[in-house]
């Protein structure tokens, strides 16, 4: 009788499964109009997504199978779940147009993940091409957790459609977003501003709770966008 062989890859794959399950639960809660739980479950899925990568590095069990499984989980948790949450909280008002607009994060995120997998060389990257889909999902979920109370105020309603279009564009764009640096003395010396931003974000979450997390992601997304096009324009002008 053969014994079940337990390999190190089971540990990160378990966290990947929990990521996917959290996204599935978020969709269920959204369908039941429990938008607070639905939004928090997307954040929980992002935590599991971070942990599966960490466990893969600690157990040295990174593999192509793990990458593909992780991407499939991300489509559910950071594509379908936030798109459905956006539809249920706002875009249902616009019939077919609302369905199309709310699907943009799912579709753009799917293309983003497919491109990432095709271009992946090794498992350590210094930057991402395009906004990572978990960052986009946390942006949307924290926006709803922060400002949805049986509907949105007019001032926030005007920002939803432009935000969905802009964030979806960023996912499929060539805008570079740097990865979170590993905590080490060398990285702290070479990238002090990165660690200062992490510290300020952590402080903002402690003081302002979920709104602090939302505005931290707004800052990260905006800084990355401005930095990319500033460097692109600056290099063009200096070469010219």
C-alpha atoms as a PDB file:
ATOM      1  CA  UNK A   1       0.000   0.000   0.000  1.00  0.00           C
ATOM      2  CA  UNK A   2       1.568   3.284  -1.155  1.00  0.00           C
ATOM      3  CA  UNK A   3       1.930   6.097   1.304  1.00  0.00           C
ATOM      4  CA  UNK A   4       0.888   9.658   0.571  1.00  0.00           C
ATOM      5  CA  UNK A   5       4.028  11.635  -0.123  1.00  0.00           C
ATOM      6  CA  UNK A   6       4.067  15.052   1.528  1.00  0.00           C
ATOM      7  CA  UNK A   7       6.236  17.545  -0.313  1.00  0.00           C
ATOM      8  CA  UNK A   8       7.277  21.065   0.748  1.00  0.00           C
ATOM      9  CA  UNK A   9       5.101  22.540  -2.032  1.00  0.00           C
ATOM     10  CA  UNK A  10       1.967  21.499  -0.136  1.00  0.00           C
ATOM     11  CA  UNK A  11       2.494  24.352   2.357  1.00  0.00           C
ATOM     12  CA  UNK A  12       2.468  27.271  -0.118  1.00  0.00           C
ATOM     13  CA  UNK A  13      -0.248  25.556  -2.177  1.00  0.00           C
ATOM     14  CA  UNK A  14      -2.414  25.384   0.940  1.00  0.00           C
ATOM     15  CA  UNK A  15      -2.167  29.152   1.348  1.00  0.00           C
ATOM     16  CA  UNK A  16      -2.973  29.533  -2.353  1.00  0.00           C
ATOM     17  CA  UNK A  17      -6.105  27.431  -1.844  1.00  0.00           C
ATOM     18  CA  UNK A  18      -7.084  29.624   1.115  1.00  0.00           C
ATOM     19  CA  UNK A  19      -6.590  32.661  -1.105  1.00  0.00           C
ATOM     20  CA  UNK A  20      -8.975  31.210  -3.689  1.00  0.00           C
ATOM     21  CA  UNK A  21     -11.493  30.172  -1.038  1.00  0.00           C
ATOM     22  CA  UNK A  22     -11.487  33.684   0.449  1.00  0.00           C
ATOM     23  CA  UNK A  23     -12.272  35.127  -2.976  1.00  0.00           C
ATOM     24  CA  UNK A  24     -15.114  32.642  -3.401  1.00  0.00           C
ATOM     25  CA  UNK A  25     -16.529  33.582   0.011  1.00  0.00           C
ATOM     26  CA  UNK A  26     -16.289  37.261  -0.933  1.00  0.00           C
ATOM     27  CA  UNK A  27     -18.470  36.625  -3.977  1.00  0.00           C
ATOM     28  CA  UNK A  28     -21.035  34.807  -1.819  1.00  0.00           C
ATOM     29  CA  UNK A  29     -21.172  37.675   0.694  1.00  0.00           C
ATOM     30  CA  UNK A  30     -21.469  40.219  -2.122  1.00  0.00           C
ATOM     31  CA  UNK A  31     -24.404  38.285  -3.561  1.00  0.00           C
ATOM     32  CA  UNK A  32     -26.050  38.474  -0.112  1.00  0.00           C
ATOM     33  CA  UNK A  33     -25.357  42.237   0.072  1.00  0.00           C
ATOM     34  CA  UNK A  34     -22.942  41.830   2.977  1.00  0.00           C
ATOM     35  CA  UNK A  35     -20.387  44.160   1.468  1.00  0.00           C
ATOM     36  CA  UNK A  36     -18.290  44.645   4.608  1.00  0.00           C
ATOM     37  CA  UNK A  37     -17.423  40.950   4.845  1.00  0.00           C
ATOM     38  CA  UNK A  38     -16.993  40.774   1.071  1.00  0.00           C
ATOM     39  CA  UNK A  39     -14.473  43.619   1.111  1.00  0.00           C
ATOM     40  CA  UNK A  40     -12.520  42.272   4.063  1.00  0.00           C
ATOM     41  CA  UNK A  41     -12.323  38.798   2.516  1.00  0.00           C
ATOM     42  CA  UNK A  42     -10.512  40.288  -0.493  1.00  0.00           C
ATOM     43  CA  UNK A  43      -7.951  41.735   1.923  1.00  0.00           C
ATOM     44  CA  UNK A  44      -7.720  38.351   3.687  1.00  0.00           C
ATOM     45  CA  UNK A  45      -7.114  36.740   0.288  1.00  0.00           C
ATOM     46  CA  UNK A  46      -4.264  39.214  -0.303  1.00  0.00           C
ATOM     47  CA  UNK A  47      -2.706  38.174   3.019  1.00  0.00           C
ATOM     48  CA  UNK A  48      -2.855  34.506   2.001  1.00  0.00           C
ATOM     49  CA  UNK A  49      -1.414  35.468  -1.406  1.00  0.00           C
ATOM     50  CA  UNK A  50       1.549  37.097   0.340  1.00  0.00           C
ATOM     51  CA  UNK A  51       2.007  34.121   2.645  1.00  0.00           C
ATOM     52  CA  UNK A  52       2.046  31.558  -0.166  1.00  0.00           C
ATOM     53  CA  UNK A  53       4.931  33.387  -1.825  1.00  0.00           C
ATOM     54  CA  UNK A  54       6.742  33.680   1.494  1.00  0.00           C
ATOM     55  CA  UNK A  55       6.248  29.977   2.236  1.00  0.00           C
ATOM     56  CA  UNK A  56       7.429  29.037  -1.248  1.00  0.00           C
ATOM     57  CA  UNK A  57      10.683  30.910  -0.649  1.00  0.00           C
ATOM     58  CA  UNK A  58      11.172  29.569   2.873  1.00  0.00           C
ATOM     59  CA  UNK A  59      10.559  25.950   1.810  1.00  0.00           C
ATOM     60  CA  UNK A  60      12.423  26.490  -1.505  1.00  0.00           C
ATOM     61  CA  UNK A  61       9.478  24.933  -3.323  1.00  0.00           C
ATOM     62  CA  UNK A  62       8.799  27.575  -5.990  1.00  0.00           C
ATOM     63  CA  UNK A  63       7.600  25.916  -9.172  1.00  0.00           C
ATOM     64  CA  UNK A  64       5.796  26.616 -12.434  1.00  0.00           C
ATOM     65  CA  UNK A  65       2.809  24.692 -11.084  1.00  0.00           C
ATOM     66  CA  UNK A  66       2.698  26.985  -8.052  1.00  0.00           C
ATOM     67  CA  UNK A  67       2.859  30.070 -10.276  1.00  0.00           C
ATOM     68  CA  UNK A  68      -0.031  28.857 -12.439  1.00  0.00           C
ATOM     69  CA  UNK A  69      -2.120  27.868  -9.419  1.00  0.00           C
ATOM     70  CA  UNK A  70      -1.435  31.238  -7.816  1.00  0.00           C
ATOM     71  CA  UNK A  71      -2.594  33.039 -10.960  1.00  0.00           C
ATOM     72  CA  UNK A  72      -5.813  31.025 -11.114  1.00  0.00           C
ATOM     73  CA  UNK A  73      -6.486  31.917  -7.476  1.00  0.00           C
ATOM     74  CA  UNK A  74      -5.757  35.579  -8.152  1.00  0.00           C
ATOM     75  CA  UNK A  75      -8.285  35.676 -11.003  1.00  0.00           C
ATOM     76  CA  UNK A  76     -10.958  34.581  -8.526  1.00  0.00           C
ATOM     77  CA  UNK A  77      -9.928  36.649  -5.483  1.00  0.00           C
ATOM     78  CA  UNK A  78      -8.606  39.804  -7.140  1.00  0.00           C
ATOM     79  CA  UNK A  79     -10.480  39.742 -10.437  1.00  0.00           C
ATOM     80  CA  UNK A  80     -13.940  38.210 -10.099  1.00  0.00           C
ATOM     81  CA  UNK A  81     -14.516  39.094  -6.425  1.00  0.00           C
ATOM     82  CA  UNK A  82     -13.802  42.862  -6.640  1.00  0.00           C
ATOM     83  CA  UNK A  83     -15.579  43.156 -10.007  1.00  0.00           C
ATOM     84  CA  UNK A  84     -18.695  41.538  -8.554  1.00  0.00           C
ATOM     85  CA  UNK A  85     -18.419  43.706  -5.435  1.00  0.00           C
ATOM     86  CA  UNK A  86     -18.255  46.822  -7.618  1.00  0.00           C
ATOM     87  CA  UNK A  87     -21.268  45.649  -9.601  1.00  0.00           C
ATOM     88  CA  UNK A  88     -23.387  44.946  -6.517  1.00  0.00           C
ATOM     89  CA  UNK A  89     -22.536  48.232  -4.781  1.00  0.00           C
ATOM     90  CA  UNK A  90     -22.749  50.616  -7.733  1.00  0.00           C
ATOM     91  CA  UNK A  91     -22.706  49.389 -11.326  1.00  0.00           C
ATOM     92  CA  UNK A  92     -26.004  47.473 -11.145  1.00  0.00           C
ATOM     93  CA  UNK A  93     -27.598  50.911 -11.686  1.00  0.00           C
ATOM     94  CA  UNK A  94     -26.383  51.016 -15.294  1.00  0.00           C
ATOM     95  CA  UNK A  95     -27.764  47.732 -16.684  1.00  0.00           C
ATOM     96  CA  UNK A  96     -25.600  46.363 -19.525  1.00  0.00           C
ATOM     97  CA  UNK A  97     -23.121  49.245 -19.366  1.00  0.00           C
ATOM     98  CA  UNK A  98     -22.679  48.547 -15.668  1.00  0.00           C
ATOM     99  CA  UNK A  99     -21.919  44.891 -16.327  1.00  0.00           C
ATOM    100  CA  UNK A 100     -19.284  45.834 -18.897  1.00  0.00           C
ATOM    101  CA  UNK A 101     -17.656  48.511 -16.723  1.00  0.00           C
ATOM    102  CA  UNK A 102     -17.580  46.366 -13.574  1.00  0.00           C
ATOM    103  CA  UNK A 103     -15.994  43.512 -15.548  1.00  0.00           C
ATOM    104  CA  UNK A 104     -12.968  45.634 -16.533  1.00  0.00           C
ATOM    105  CA  UNK A 105     -10.891  44.812 -13.406  1.00  0.00           C
ATOM    106  CA  UNK A 106     -11.534  41.096 -13.986  1.00  0.00           C
ATOM    107  CA  UNK A 107     -10.636  41.205 -17.688  1.00  0.00           C
ATOM    108  CA  UNK A 108      -7.618  43.502 -17.283  1.00  0.00           C
ATOM    109  CA  UNK A 109      -6.431  41.463 -14.303  1.00  0.00           C
ATOM    110  CA  UNK A 110      -6.674  38.246 -16.320  1.00  0.00           C
ATOM    111  CA  UNK A 111      -4.560  39.711 -19.111  1.00  0.00           C
ATOM    112  CA  UNK A 112      -2.143  41.105 -16.512  1.00  0.00           C
ATOM    113  CA  UNK A 113      -1.632  37.669 -14.936  1.00  0.00           C
ATOM    114  CA  UNK A 114      -1.244  35.933 -18.302  1.00  0.00           C
ATOM    115  CA  UNK A 115       1.431  38.424 -19.359  1.00  0.00           C
ATOM    116  CA  UNK A 116       3.208  38.032 -16.016  1.00  0.00           C
ATOM    117  CA  UNK A 117       3.352  34.245 -16.395  1.00  0.00           C
ATOM    118  CA  UNK A 118       4.647  34.437 -19.968  1.00  0.00           C
ATOM    119  CA  UNK A 119       7.365  36.942 -19.056  1.00  0.00           C
ATOM    120  CA  UNK A 120       8.356  35.297 -15.762  1.00  0.00           C
ATOM    121  CA  UNK A 121      12.043  34.428 -15.601  1.00  0.00           C
ATOM    122  CA  UNK A 122      12.999  33.097 -12.203  1.00  0.00           C
ATOM    123  CA  UNK A 123      10.960  33.904  -9.124  1.00  0.00           C
ATOM    124  CA  UNK A 124      12.649  37.049  -7.788  1.00  0.00           C
ATOM    125  CA  UNK A 125      11.715  40.279  -9.559  1.00  0.00           C
ATOM    126  CA  UNK A 126      12.772  43.853  -8.819  1.00  0.00           C
ATOM    127  CA  UNK A 127       9.661  45.350 -10.380  1.00  0.00           C
ATOM    128  CA  UNK A 128       6.303  44.472 -11.918  1.00  0.00           C
ATOM    129  CA  UNK A 129       5.220  45.571 -15.378  1.00  0.00           C
ATOM    130  CA  UNK A 130       1.775  46.969 -14.801  1.00  0.00           C
ATOM    131  CA  UNK A 131      -0.060  47.371 -11.511  1.00  0.00           C
ATOM    132  CA  UNK A 132      -0.245  43.988  -9.734  1.00  0.00           C
ATOM    133  CA  UNK A 133      -3.796  42.659  -9.570  1.00  0.00           C
ATOM    134  CA  UNK A 134      -3.804  42.272  -5.738  1.00  0.00           C
ATOM    135  CA  UNK A 135      -3.001  45.994  -5.405  1.00  0.00           C
ATOM    136  CA  UNK A 136      -5.893  46.878  -7.702  1.00  0.00           C
ATOM    137  CA  UNK A 137      -8.237  44.602  -5.734  1.00  0.00           C
ATOM    138  CA  UNK A 138      -7.221  46.107  -2.384  1.00  0.00           C
ATOM    139  CA  UNK A 139      -7.725  49.595  -3.833  1.00  0.00           C
ATOM    140  CA  UNK A 140     -11.331  48.749  -4.773  1.00  0.00           C
ATOM    141  CA  UNK A 141     -12.163  46.801  -1.618  1.00  0.00           C
ATOM    142  CA  UNK A 142     -10.796  49.470   0.742  1.00  0.00           C
ATOM    143  CA  UNK A 143     -12.585  52.174  -1.254  1.00  0.00           C
ATOM    144  CA  UNK A 144     -15.892  50.395  -0.675  1.00  0.00           C
ATOM    145  CA  UNK A 145     -15.103  49.613   2.970  1.00  0.00           C
ATOM    146  CA  UNK A 146     -14.197  53.259   3.558  1.00  0.00           C
ATOM    147  CA  UNK A 147     -16.938  55.117   1.716  1.00  0.00           C
ATOM    148  CA  UNK A 148     -19.923  52.826   1.084  1.00  0.00           C
ATOM    149  CA  UNK A 149     -22.812  53.229   3.526  1.00  0.00           C
ATOM    150  CA  UNK A 150     -25.995  52.020   1.832  1.00  0.00           C
ATOM    151  CA  UNK A 151     -24.699  53.891  -1.188  1.00  0.00           C
ATOM    152  CA  UNK A 152     -21.950  56.379  -2.046  1.00  0.00           C
ATOM    153  CA  UNK A 153     -21.978  60.120  -1.495  1.00  0.00           C
ATOM    154  CA  UNK A 154     -22.100  62.142  -4.705  1.00  0.00           C
ATOM    155  CA  UNK A 155     -18.470  63.208  -4.360  1.00  0.00           C
ATOM    156  CA  UNK A 156     -17.356  59.564  -4.411  1.00  0.00           C
ATOM    157  CA  UNK A 157     -19.817  58.467  -7.121  1.00  0.00           C
ATOM    158  CA  UNK A 158     -18.058  60.742  -9.598  1.00  0.00           C
ATOM    159  CA  UNK A 159     -14.736  58.980  -8.976  1.00  0.00           C
ATOM    160  CA  UNK A 160     -15.868  55.350  -9.336  1.00  0.00           C
ATOM    161  CA  UNK A 161     -16.063  55.009 -13.115  1.00  0.00           C
ATOM    162  CA  UNK A 162     -12.815  56.952 -13.814  1.00  0.00           C
ATOM    163  CA  UNK A 163     -11.069  54.922 -11.094  1.00  0.00           C
ATOM    164  CA  UNK A 164     -12.202  51.590 -12.547  1.00  0.00           C
ATOM    165  CA  UNK A 165     -11.067  52.580 -16.040  1.00  0.00           C
ATOM    166  CA  UNK A 166      -7.751  54.019 -14.818  1.00  0.00           C
ATOM    167  CA  UNK A 167      -6.851  51.125 -12.517  1.00  0.00           C
ATOM    168  CA  UNK A 168      -7.794  48.601 -15.217  1.00  0.00           C
ATOM    169  CA  UNK A 169      -5.554  50.460 -17.655  1.00  0.00           C
ATOM    170  CA  UNK A 170      -2.666  50.437 -15.180  1.00  0.00           C
ATOM    171  CA  UNK A 171      -2.863  46.652 -14.859  1.00  0.00           C
ATOM    172  CA  UNK A 172      -2.302  46.119 -18.593  1.00  0.00           C
ATOM    173  CA  UNK A 173       0.045  49.090 -19.029  1.00  0.00           C
ATOM    174  CA  UNK A 174       3.837  49.054 -19.046  1.00  0.00           C
ATOM    175  CA  UNK A 175       4.055  51.243 -15.962  1.00  0.00           C
ATOM    176  CA  UNK A 176       6.668  49.765 -13.631  1.00  0.00           C
ATOM    177  CA  UNK A 177       5.873  49.169  -9.986  1.00  0.00           C
ATOM    178  CA  UNK A 178       8.732  48.156  -7.745  1.00  0.00           C
ATOM    179  CA  UNK A 179       8.413  45.127  -5.498  1.00  0.00           C
ATOM    180  CA  UNK A 180       8.503  45.496  -1.719  1.00  0.00           C
ATOM    181  CA  UNK A 181      12.185  45.341  -0.730  1.00  0.00           C
ATOM    182  CA  UNK A 182      13.286  42.567   1.587  1.00  0.00           C
ATOM    183  CA  UNK A 183      13.988  43.697   5.113  1.00  0.00           C
ATOM    184  CA  UNK A 184      17.761  43.843   5.402  1.00  0.00           C
ATOM    185  CA  UNK A 185      20.363  46.395   6.406  1.00  0.00           C
ATOM    186  CA  UNK A 186      21.684  46.626   2.838  1.00  0.00           C
ATOM    187  CA  UNK A 187      18.232  47.315   1.392  1.00  0.00           C
ATOM    188  CA  UNK A 188      17.508  49.836   4.122  1.00  0.00           C
ATOM    189  CA  UNK A 189      20.670  51.748   3.184  1.00  0.00           C
ATOM    190  CA  UNK A 190      20.037  51.600  -0.550  1.00  0.00           C
ATOM    191  CA  UNK A 191      16.263  52.256  -0.443  1.00  0.00           C
ATOM    192  CA  UNK A 192      15.507  54.406   2.616  1.00  0.00           C
ATOM    193  CA  UNK A 193      12.507  56.106   0.963  1.00  0.00           C
ATOM    194  CA  UNK A 194      10.853  52.740   0.338  1.00  0.00           C
ATOM    195  CA  UNK A 195      11.081  51.804   3.998  1.00  0.00           C
ATOM    196  CA  UNK A 196       9.922  55.265   5.051  1.00  0.00           C
ATOM    197  CA  UNK A 197       6.831  54.824   2.864  1.00  0.00           C
ATOM    198  CA  UNK A 198       6.161  51.387   4.403  1.00  0.00           C
ATOM    199  CA  UNK A 199       6.477  52.873   7.893  1.00  0.00           C
ATOM    200  CA  UNK A 200       4.162  55.805   7.102  1.00  0.00           C
ATOM    201  CA  UNK A 201       1.630  53.427   5.554  1.00  0.00           C
ATOM    202  CA  UNK A 202       1.717  51.242   8.644  1.00  0.00           C
ATOM    203  CA  UNK A 203       1.231  54.345  10.788  1.00  0.00           C
ATOM    204  CA  UNK A 204      -1.686  55.497   8.617  1.00  0.00           C
ATOM    205  CA  UNK A 205      -3.417  52.121   9.046  1.00  0.00           C
ATOM    206  CA  UNK A 206      -3.006  52.303  12.839  1.00  0.00           C
ATOM    207  CA  UNK A 207      -4.410  55.845  12.994  1.00  0.00           C
ATOM    208  CA  UNK A 208      -7.055  55.818  10.248  1.00  0.00           C
ATOM    209  CA  UNK A 209      -7.833  52.079  10.034  1.00  0.00           C
ATOM    210  CA  UNK A 210      -9.098  50.948   6.613  1.00  0.00           C
ATOM    211  CA  UNK A 211      -9.059  54.498   5.209  1.00  0.00           C
ATOM    212  CA  UNK A 212      -5.360  54.619   6.007  1.00  0.00           C
ATOM    213  CA  UNK A 213      -4.863  51.453   3.956  1.00  0.00           C
ATOM    214  CA  UNK A 214      -6.904  52.912   1.088  1.00  0.00           C
ATOM    215  CA  UNK A 215      -4.936  56.171   0.937  1.00  0.00           C
ATOM    216  CA  UNK A 216      -1.648  54.254   1.238  1.00  0.00           C
ATOM    217  CA  UNK A 217      -2.543  52.350  -1.926  1.00  0.00           C
ATOM    218  CA  UNK A 218      -3.679  55.556  -3.609  1.00  0.00           C
ATOM    219  CA  UNK A 219      -0.263  57.043  -2.831  1.00  0.00           C
ATOM    220  CA  UNK A 220       1.594  53.926  -4.022  1.00  0.00           C
ATOM    221  CA  UNK A 221      -0.359  53.756  -7.285  1.00  0.00           C
ATOM    222  CA  UNK A 222       0.003  57.488  -7.949  1.00  0.00           C
ATOM    223  CA  UNK A 223       3.722  57.641  -7.129  1.00  0.00           C
ATOM    224  CA  UNK A 224       4.441  54.672  -9.399  1.00  0.00           C
ATOM    225  CA  UNK A 225       2.467  56.216 -12.268  1.00  0.00           C
ATOM    226  CA  UNK A 226       4.100  59.666 -11.959  1.00  0.00           C
ATOM    227  CA  UNK A 227       7.564  58.190 -11.483  1.00  0.00           C
ATOM    228  CA  UNK A 228       7.267  56.008 -14.598  1.00  0.00           C
ATOM    229  CA  UNK A 229       6.174  58.804 -16.923  1.00  0.00           C
ATOM    230  CA  UNK A 230       8.523  61.353 -15.372  1.00  0.00           C
ATOM    231  CA  UNK A 231      11.516  59.083 -16.008  1.00  0.00           C
ATOM    232  CA  UNK A 232      10.232  58.261 -19.484  1.00  0.00           C
ATOM    233  CA  UNK A 233       9.871  61.946 -20.366  1.00  0.00           C
ATOM    234  CA  UNK A 234      13.118  62.934 -18.621  1.00  0.00           C
ATOM    235  CA  UNK A 235      15.164  60.333 -20.512  1.00  0.00           C
ATOM    236  CA  UNK A 236      13.629  61.448 -23.809  1.00  0.00           C
ATOM    237  CA  UNK A 237      14.455  65.095 -23.195  1.00  0.00           C
ATOM    238  CA  UNK A 238      18.011  64.402 -22.015  1.00  0.00           C
ATOM    239  CA  UNK A 239      18.692  62.168 -25.010  1.00  0.00           C
ATOM    240  CA  UNK A 240      17.237  64.739 -27.345  1.00  0.00           C
END
